Protein backbone atom coordinates (compact mmCIF):
# COMPACT_ATOMS: atom_id res chain seq x y z
CA MET A 1 73.73 25.48 19.86
CA ASN A 2 75.83 26.00 16.29
CA VAL A 3 77.96 27.89 17.84
CA ASN A 4 81.45 27.42 19.63
CA PHE A 5 83.00 30.19 22.06
CA ASN A 6 85.60 27.20 23.32
CA GLY A 7 88.93 28.32 23.08
CA ALA A 8 88.46 32.40 23.09
CA GLY A 9 91.32 33.81 24.30
CA GLU A 10 92.10 30.76 27.05
CA ASN A 11 94.45 31.72 29.61
CA VAL A 12 95.30 29.19 32.22
CA LEU A 13 97.57 29.05 35.56
CA THR A 14 99.07 27.11 37.91
CA PHE A 15 98.69 27.52 41.27
CA ILE A 16 98.72 25.51 44.56
CA ALA A 17 95.78 23.23 45.21
CA ASP A 18 94.27 24.65 49.03
CA PRO A 19 93.29 21.12 50.17
CA SER A 20 89.45 22.36 49.96
CA LEU A 21 89.80 21.53 46.16
CA ASN A 22 89.21 18.22 45.00
CA GLU A 23 87.21 18.48 41.70
CA THR A 24 87.90 20.89 38.42
CA GLY A 25 84.82 22.51 37.09
CA VAL A 26 84.26 24.93 39.93
CA PRO A 27 84.98 28.13 40.94
CA VAL A 28 87.78 29.62 42.65
CA LYS A 29 88.98 32.38 44.40
CA ILE A 30 92.81 33.19 45.81
CA SER A 31 93.27 31.82 49.30
CA GLY A 32 96.71 32.43 50.62
CA ASP A 33 99.79 34.12 48.38
CA GLY A 34 99.93 31.68 45.04
CA THR A 35 97.13 29.84 46.30
CA VAL A 36 93.73 28.62 45.00
CA SER A 37 90.36 27.66 46.92
CA LYS A 38 87.06 26.22 46.07
CA CYS A 39 84.57 28.74 46.01
CA ALA A 40 81.55 29.84 49.38
CA ALA A 41 78.43 31.10 48.22
CA ASN A 42 78.50 34.47 47.94
CA ASP A 43 82.02 34.23 46.49
CA LYS A 44 83.87 36.82 44.51
CA PHE A 45 85.79 34.37 41.95
CA CYS A 46 88.94 34.71 39.63
CA GLY A 47 87.89 30.90 37.87
CA ILE A 48 87.57 28.17 37.15
CA CYS A 49 89.97 24.93 38.57
CA VAL A 50 89.79 23.44 34.34
CA GLY A 51 92.70 20.50 36.06
CA ILE A 52 94.22 19.42 39.29
CA ARG A 53 97.40 17.40 39.64
CA ASP A 54 100.41 16.31 42.64
CA GLY A 55 98.44 19.48 44.61
CA TYR A 56 98.45 22.61 42.14
CA ALA A 57 95.04 23.36 40.53
CA ALA A 58 95.40 25.00 36.66
CA VAL A 59 93.12 27.69 36.43
CA GLN A 60 91.97 29.09 33.37
CA ILE A 61 91.61 33.40 34.75
CA SER A 62 90.52 34.51 30.98
CA GLY A 63 88.48 33.80 28.06
CA TYR A 64 84.86 31.57 27.49
CA ALA A 65 84.15 29.18 30.03
CA VAL A 66 81.20 27.05 31.31
CA PHE A 67 80.47 26.87 34.49
CA LYS A 68 77.28 24.51 36.63
CA ALA A 69 74.52 27.82 37.39
CA ALA A 70 71.57 27.91 40.44
CA SER A 71 69.70 28.20 37.85
CA LYS A 72 69.12 29.83 33.27
CA ILE A 73 71.23 33.35 33.41
CA THR A 74 70.27 35.98 30.85
CA ALA A 75 73.30 36.69 28.64
CA GLY A 76 74.59 39.88 28.75
CA TYR A 77 76.63 41.79 30.90
CA LYS A 78 75.75 40.22 34.96
CA LYS A 79 77.58 40.39 38.19
CA LEU A 80 77.98 37.06 39.35
CA ALA A 81 79.79 35.46 41.95
CA ALA A 82 79.96 31.93 43.03
CA ALA A 83 76.56 30.16 44.76
CA ALA A 84 76.10 26.98 46.21
CA ASN A 85 77.42 22.68 44.87
CA GLY A 86 80.34 24.96 42.89
CA ASN A 87 77.67 26.32 40.98
CA VAL A 88 77.54 30.46 39.87
CA ALA A 89 74.32 32.66 40.02
CA VAL A 90 73.85 36.73 39.60
CA ASN A 91 74.40 38.81 42.48
CA GLU A 92 75.39 42.27 42.96
CA ASN A 93 78.31 41.52 45.38
CA GLY A 94 79.98 39.29 42.13
CA ARG A 95 81.57 40.22 39.49
CA GLU A 96 80.33 41.66 36.07
CA LEU A 97 81.06 39.23 33.60
CA LEU A 98 78.95 39.32 30.09
CA VAL A 99 77.36 35.55 29.58
CA VAL A 100 77.09 34.71 26.37
CA ASN A 101 74.75 31.87 26.55
CA SER A 102 72.88 29.54 29.28
CA THR A 103 70.53 27.03 29.97
CA ALA A 104 69.43 25.77 33.99
CA THR A 105 72.01 24.22 34.66
CA GLU A 106 75.08 25.98 32.61
CA ALA A 107 76.72 29.17 31.80
CA GLY A 108 78.64 29.83 28.78
CA VAL A 109 80.91 33.28 30.26
CA ILE A 110 83.55 35.30 29.23
CA LEU A 111 85.86 35.77 32.42
């Protein structure tokens, strides 16, 4: 693609990382006071984990983010939720977000 959305409105917060969260690039949810954990299938997510260190997680909660996708997602406003294996997928109970680009394995989303 010849366009780039990186950095648009990014906002990253630091949370305590639940022991279940051991990888970056996955959708996360609030699991306790100031704590995030990896989402299970069908969970609404608050953002994407962009870093883990010393028991803390950096979570991007706004701006352009690229998630692993269960399949290609049509561009436009879509309701998204976590899917299996750290992916996201269209889900009528998910958050309505703007999908700006997608392939069979990734979706570029404005949080």
